[in-house]
Amino acid sequence: DMNGEAFTLDQLKGNAVVIYFGYTTCPDVCPTTLIDYQAVKEELGADADRVKFVLVTIDPERDTEAKLKEYLAFFDPEFIGLRGDEAQTEQVKQDYGVLVHRVEYPDSATKYLLDHSTQTFVIDPQGRLALTFPYGMDPVLMAQDIRHLLES
């Protein structure tokens, strides 16, 4: 995780877990999604205590633990950042069906961007994949679905 500790989803059992695959230098969909998560968390009110929001980096080359922590703190210091080495990242992308395409921009400050899948995955409190949300889904509707998971 972003604190250098080993991490498994089992650590969050009993909570709904909202997972997004992105990266800190993403210019558009990643920060927009995290802003939506802020709205979901606010909409959940007291139920937000049982929901964990997780960003799994698809760019471990640039996204260090410290960079993930700093980036996520801008949105919410309780958001969890995860990173693995190249092999771990490839495995988790494969496990979730996340597609990533690297686009080179050698003359830019970032050198490359990553075109990637943008759906949100939601794990239920029992640790099972329960929902996926498309990019741009209304945070109020997301919160309603997550609340339903918490009640079942």
C-alpha atoms as a PDB file:
ATOM      1  CA  ASP A   1       0.000   0.000   0.000  1.00  0.00           C
ATOM      2  CA  MET A   2       1.026   3.653  -0.014  1.00  0.00           C
ATOM      3  CA  ASN A   3       2.611   3.160   3.421  1.00  0.00           C
ATOM      4  CA  GLY A   4       4.864   0.341   2.229  1.00  0.00           C
ATOM      5  CA  GLU A   5       2.823  -2.366   3.970  1.00  0.00           C
ATOM      6  CA  ALA A   6       1.718  -5.627   2.347  1.00  0.00           C
ATOM      7  CA  PHE A   7      -1.957  -5.486   1.396  1.00  0.00           C
ATOM      8  CA  THR A   8      -4.753  -7.924   0.585  1.00  0.00           C
ATOM      9  CA  LEU A   9      -8.479  -7.324   0.137  1.00  0.00           C
ATOM     10  CA  ASP A  10      -9.099  -9.614   3.111  1.00  0.00           C
ATOM     11  CA  GLN A  11      -7.905  -6.755   5.334  1.00  0.00           C
ATOM     12  CA  LEU A  12     -11.034  -4.809   4.338  1.00  0.00           C
ATOM     13  CA  LYS A  13     -13.615  -7.583   4.797  1.00  0.00           C
ATOM     14  CA  GLY A  14     -16.757  -6.300   6.447  1.00  0.00           C
ATOM     15  CA  ASN A  15     -16.584  -3.125   4.353  1.00  0.00           C
ATOM     16  CA  ALA A  16     -17.689  -2.359   0.838  1.00  0.00           C
ATOM     17  CA  VAL A  17     -14.565  -1.621  -1.219  1.00  0.00           C
ATOM     18  CA  VAL A  18     -14.672   0.752  -4.179  1.00  0.00           C
ATOM     19  CA  ILE A  19     -11.722   0.055  -6.498  1.00  0.00           C
ATOM     20  CA  TYR A  20     -10.405   2.113  -9.390  1.00  0.00           C
ATOM     21  CA  PHE A  21      -7.376   1.447 -11.579  1.00  0.00           C
ATOM     22  CA  GLY A  22      -5.613   4.668 -12.517  1.00  0.00           C
ATOM     23  CA  TYR A  23      -2.477   6.732 -12.051  1.00  0.00           C
ATOM     24  CA  THR A  24      -1.381  10.028 -10.571  1.00  0.00           C
ATOM     25  CA  THR A  25      -0.332  11.774 -13.798  1.00  0.00           C
ATOM     26  CA  CYS A  26      -3.650  10.967 -15.503  1.00  0.00           C
ATOM     27  CA  PRO A  27      -4.926  14.267 -16.909  1.00  0.00           C
ATOM     28  CA  ASP A  28      -8.643  13.600 -16.923  1.00  0.00           C
ATOM     29  CA  VAL A  29     -10.621  10.483 -15.944  1.00  0.00           C
ATOM     30  CA  CYS A  30      -8.654   9.609 -12.794  1.00  0.00           C
ATOM     31  CA  PRO A  31      -9.007  12.931 -10.970  1.00  0.00           C
ATOM     32  CA  THR A  32     -12.615  13.201 -12.134  1.00  0.00           C
ATOM     33  CA  THR A  33     -13.352   9.739 -10.743  1.00  0.00           C
ATOM     34  CA  LEU A  34     -11.740  10.582  -7.401  1.00  0.00           C
ATOM     35  CA  ILE A  35     -13.826  13.762  -7.194  1.00  0.00           C
ATOM     36  CA  ASP A  36     -16.891  11.580  -7.805  1.00  0.00           C
ATOM     37  CA  TYR A  37     -15.744   9.336  -4.938  1.00  0.00           C
ATOM     38  CA  GLN A  38     -15.656  12.382  -2.662  1.00  0.00           C
ATOM     39  CA  ALA A  39     -19.302  13.008  -3.583  1.00  0.00           C
ATOM     40  CA  VAL A  40     -20.199   9.324  -3.051  1.00  0.00           C
ATOM     41  CA  LYS A  41     -18.587   9.398   0.385  1.00  0.00           C
ATOM     42  CA  GLU A  42     -20.462  12.570   1.311  1.00  0.00           C
ATOM     43  CA  GLU A  43     -23.743  11.119   0.026  1.00  0.00           C
ATOM     44  CA  LEU A  44     -23.222   7.976   2.143  1.00  0.00           C
ATOM     45  CA  GLY A  45     -23.032  10.010   5.346  1.00  0.00           C
ATOM     46  CA  ALA A  46     -22.503   7.759   8.373  1.00  0.00           C
ATOM     47  CA  ASP A  47     -22.498   4.674   6.109  1.00  0.00           C
ATOM     48  CA  ALA A  48     -19.220   5.925   4.609  1.00  0.00           C
ATOM     49  CA  ASP A  49     -17.452   4.494   7.670  1.00  0.00           C
ATOM     50  CA  ARG A  50     -18.068   1.035   6.159  1.00  0.00           C
ATOM     51  CA  VAL A  51     -16.797   1.911   2.678  1.00  0.00           C
ATOM     52  CA  LYS A  52     -13.145   1.979   1.627  1.00  0.00           C
ATOM     53  CA  PHE A  53     -12.031   3.741  -1.546  1.00  0.00           C
ATOM     54  CA  VAL A  54      -8.979   2.285  -3.276  1.00  0.00           C
ATOM     55  CA  LEU A  55      -6.849   3.492  -6.186  1.00  0.00           C
ATOM     56  CA  VAL A  56      -4.634   0.787  -7.694  1.00  0.00           C
ATOM     57  CA  THR A  57      -1.921   2.387  -9.777  1.00  0.00           C
ATOM     58  CA  ILE A  58      -1.404   1.119 -13.299  1.00  0.00           C
ATOM     59  CA  ASP A  59       1.836   3.145 -13.456  1.00  0.00           C
ATOM     60  CA  PRO A  60       4.173   1.717 -10.801  1.00  0.00           C
ATOM     61  CA  GLU A  61       7.098   3.103 -12.803  1.00  0.00           C
ATOM     62  CA  ARG A  62       6.185   6.650 -11.718  1.00  0.00           C
ATOM     63  CA  ASP A  63       3.731   6.196  -8.855  1.00  0.00           C
ATOM     64  CA  THR A  64       5.850   5.688  -5.780  1.00  0.00           C
ATOM     65  CA  GLU A  65       4.266   5.090  -2.400  1.00  0.00           C
ATOM     66  CA  ALA A  66       4.958   8.705  -1.431  1.00  0.00           C
ATOM     67  CA  LYS A  67       3.486  10.062  -4.672  1.00  0.00           C
ATOM     68  CA  LEU A  68       0.318   7.978  -4.250  1.00  0.00           C
ATOM     69  CA  LYS A  69      -0.077   9.133  -0.666  1.00  0.00           C
ATOM     70  CA  GLU A  70       0.373  12.806  -1.562  1.00  0.00           C
ATOM     71  CA  TYR A  71      -1.950  12.562  -4.566  1.00  0.00           C
ATOM     72  CA  LEU A  72      -4.767  10.794  -2.720  1.00  0.00           C
ATOM     73  CA  ALA A  73      -4.510  13.135   0.289  1.00  0.00           C
ATOM     74  CA  PHE A  74      -5.542  15.932  -2.068  1.00  0.00           C
ATOM     75  CA  PHE A  75      -8.887  14.146  -2.533  1.00  0.00           C
ATOM     76  CA  ASP A  76      -9.307  12.390   0.825  1.00  0.00           C
ATOM     77  CA  PRO A  77      -6.595  11.234   3.251  1.00  0.00           C
ATOM     78  CA  GLU A  78      -8.641   8.080   3.945  1.00  0.00           C
ATOM     79  CA  PHE A  79      -8.472   6.936   0.315  1.00  0.00           C
ATOM     80  CA  ILE A  80      -6.110   3.964  -0.017  1.00  0.00           C
ATOM     81  CA  GLY A  81      -3.381   3.823  -2.657  1.00  0.00           C
ATOM     82  CA  LEU A  82      -1.977   0.501  -3.819  1.00  0.00           C
ATOM     83  CA  ARG A  83       0.996  -0.276  -5.999  1.00  0.00           C
ATOM     84  CA  GLY A  84       2.796  -3.409  -6.956  1.00  0.00           C
ATOM     85  CA  ASP A  85       5.850  -4.234  -8.979  1.00  0.00           C
ATOM     86  CA  GLU A  86       5.438  -4.750 -12.726  1.00  0.00           C
ATOM     87  CA  ALA A  87       4.486  -8.435 -12.372  1.00  0.00           C
ATOM     88  CA  GLN A  88       1.936  -7.771  -9.604  1.00  0.00           C
ATOM     89  CA  THR A  89       0.450  -4.889 -11.578  1.00  0.00           C
ATOM     90  CA  GLU A  90       0.100  -7.039 -14.699  1.00  0.00           C
ATOM     91  CA  GLN A  91      -1.540  -9.813 -12.672  1.00  0.00           C
ATOM     92  CA  VAL A  92      -4.129  -7.586 -10.982  1.00  0.00           C
ATOM     93  CA  LYS A  93      -4.932  -5.889 -14.302  1.00  0.00           C
ATOM     94  CA  GLN A  94      -5.496  -9.335 -15.808  1.00  0.00           C
ATOM     95  CA  ASP A  95      -7.581 -10.467 -12.819  1.00  0.00           C
ATOM     96  CA  TYR A  96      -9.943  -7.482 -13.200  1.00  0.00           C
ATOM     97  CA  GLY A  97      -9.847  -7.277 -16.997  1.00  0.00           C
ATOM     98  CA  VAL A  98      -8.297  -3.816 -16.950  1.00  0.00           C
ATOM     99  CA  LEU A  99      -6.857  -2.717 -20.282  1.00  0.00           C
ATOM    100  CA  VAL A 100      -3.968  -0.270 -20.491  1.00  0.00           C
ATOM    101  CA  HIS A 101      -2.289   1.184 -23.565  1.00  0.00           C
ATOM    102  CA  ARG A 102       0.845   3.281 -23.210  1.00  0.00           C
ATOM    103  CA  VAL A 103       1.011   6.294 -25.541  1.00  0.00           C
ATOM    104  CA  GLU A 104       4.413   7.916 -25.910  1.00  0.00           C
ATOM    105  CA  TYR A 105       4.770  11.714 -25.852  1.00  0.00           C
ATOM    106  CA  PRO A 106       8.565  12.140 -25.870  1.00  0.00           C
ATOM    107  CA  ASP A 107       8.432  15.938 -26.044  1.00  0.00           C
ATOM    108  CA  SER A 108       6.062  16.352 -23.099  1.00  0.00           C
ATOM    109  CA  ALA A 109       6.882  16.677 -19.414  1.00  0.00           C
ATOM    110  CA  THR A 110       5.169  13.369 -18.628  1.00  0.00           C
ATOM    111  CA  LYS A 111       6.837  11.470 -21.544  1.00  0.00           C
ATOM    112  CA  TYR A 112       3.842   9.140 -21.802  1.00  0.00           C
ATOM    113  CA  LEU A 113       0.195   8.767 -20.871  1.00  0.00           C
ATOM    114  CA  LEU A 114      -1.802   5.604 -20.257  1.00  0.00           C
ATOM    115  CA  ASP A 115      -5.125   5.065 -21.982  1.00  0.00           C
ATOM    116  CA  HIS A 116      -6.992   2.708 -19.669  1.00  0.00           C
ATOM    117  CA  SER A 117     -10.257   1.086 -18.647  1.00  0.00           C
ATOM    118  CA  THR A 118     -12.293   3.441 -16.513  1.00  0.00           C
ATOM    119  CA  GLN A 119     -14.872   1.341 -14.709  1.00  0.00           C
ATOM    120  CA  THR A 120     -15.201   1.213 -10.940  1.00  0.00           C
ATOM    121  CA  PHE A 121     -15.360  -2.160  -9.191  1.00  0.00           C
ATOM    122  CA  VAL A 122     -17.223  -2.642  -5.914  1.00  0.00           C
ATOM    123  CA  ILE A 123     -16.452  -5.531  -3.585  1.00  0.00           C
ATOM    124  CA  ASP A 124     -19.188  -6.409  -1.089  1.00  0.00           C
ATOM    125  CA  PRO A 125     -18.554  -6.780   2.673  1.00  0.00           C
ATOM    126  CA  GLN A 126     -18.103 -10.556   2.199  1.00  0.00           C
ATOM    127  CA  GLY A 127     -15.225  -9.951  -0.216  1.00  0.00           C
ATOM    128  CA  ARG A 128     -17.025 -10.720  -3.487  1.00  0.00           C
ATOM    129  CA  LEU A 129     -17.092  -8.608  -6.634  1.00  0.00           C
ATOM    130  CA  ALA A 130     -20.652  -7.274  -6.569  1.00  0.00           C
ATOM    131  CA  LEU A 131     -20.894  -4.245  -8.853  1.00  0.00           C
ATOM    132  CA  THR A 132     -19.171  -2.352 -11.606  1.00  0.00           C
ATOM    133  CA  PHE A 133     -19.949   1.250 -12.416  1.00  0.00           C
ATOM    134  CA  PRO A 134     -19.185   2.946 -15.716  1.00  0.00           C
ATOM    135  CA  TYR A 135     -17.086   6.097 -15.791  1.00  0.00           C
ATOM    136  CA  GLY A 136     -19.194   9.170 -15.104  1.00  0.00           C
ATOM    137  CA  MET A 137     -22.024   7.438 -13.246  1.00  0.00           C
ATOM    138  CA  ASP A 138     -23.959   9.784 -10.976  1.00  0.00           C
ATOM    139  CA  PRO A 139     -22.391   9.653  -7.474  1.00  0.00           C
ATOM    140  CA  VAL A 140     -25.868   9.709  -5.883  1.00  0.00           C
ATOM    141  CA  LEU A 141     -26.785   6.513  -7.741  1.00  0.00           C
ATOM    142  CA  MET A 142     -23.438   4.949  -6.846  1.00  0.00           C
ATOM    143  CA  ALA A 143     -24.050   5.733  -3.180  1.00  0.00           C
ATOM    144  CA  GLN A 144     -27.540   4.191  -3.351  1.00  0.00           C
ATOM    145  CA  ASP A 145     -26.158   0.954  -4.799  1.00  0.00           C
ATOM    146  CA  ILE A 146     -23.321   0.829  -2.263  1.00  0.00           C
ATOM    147  CA  ARG A 147     -25.747   1.471   0.614  1.00  0.00           C
ATOM    148  CA  HIS A 148     -27.876  -1.429  -0.651  1.00  0.00           C
ATOM    149  CA  LEU A 149     -24.794  -3.682  -0.531  1.00  0.00           C
ATOM    150  CA  LEU A 150     -24.143  -2.650   3.057  1.00  0.00           C
ATOM    151  CA  GLU A 151     -27.707  -3.530   4.037  1.00  0.00           C
ATOM    152  CA  SER A 152     -27.751  -6.969   2.439  1.00  0.00           C
END
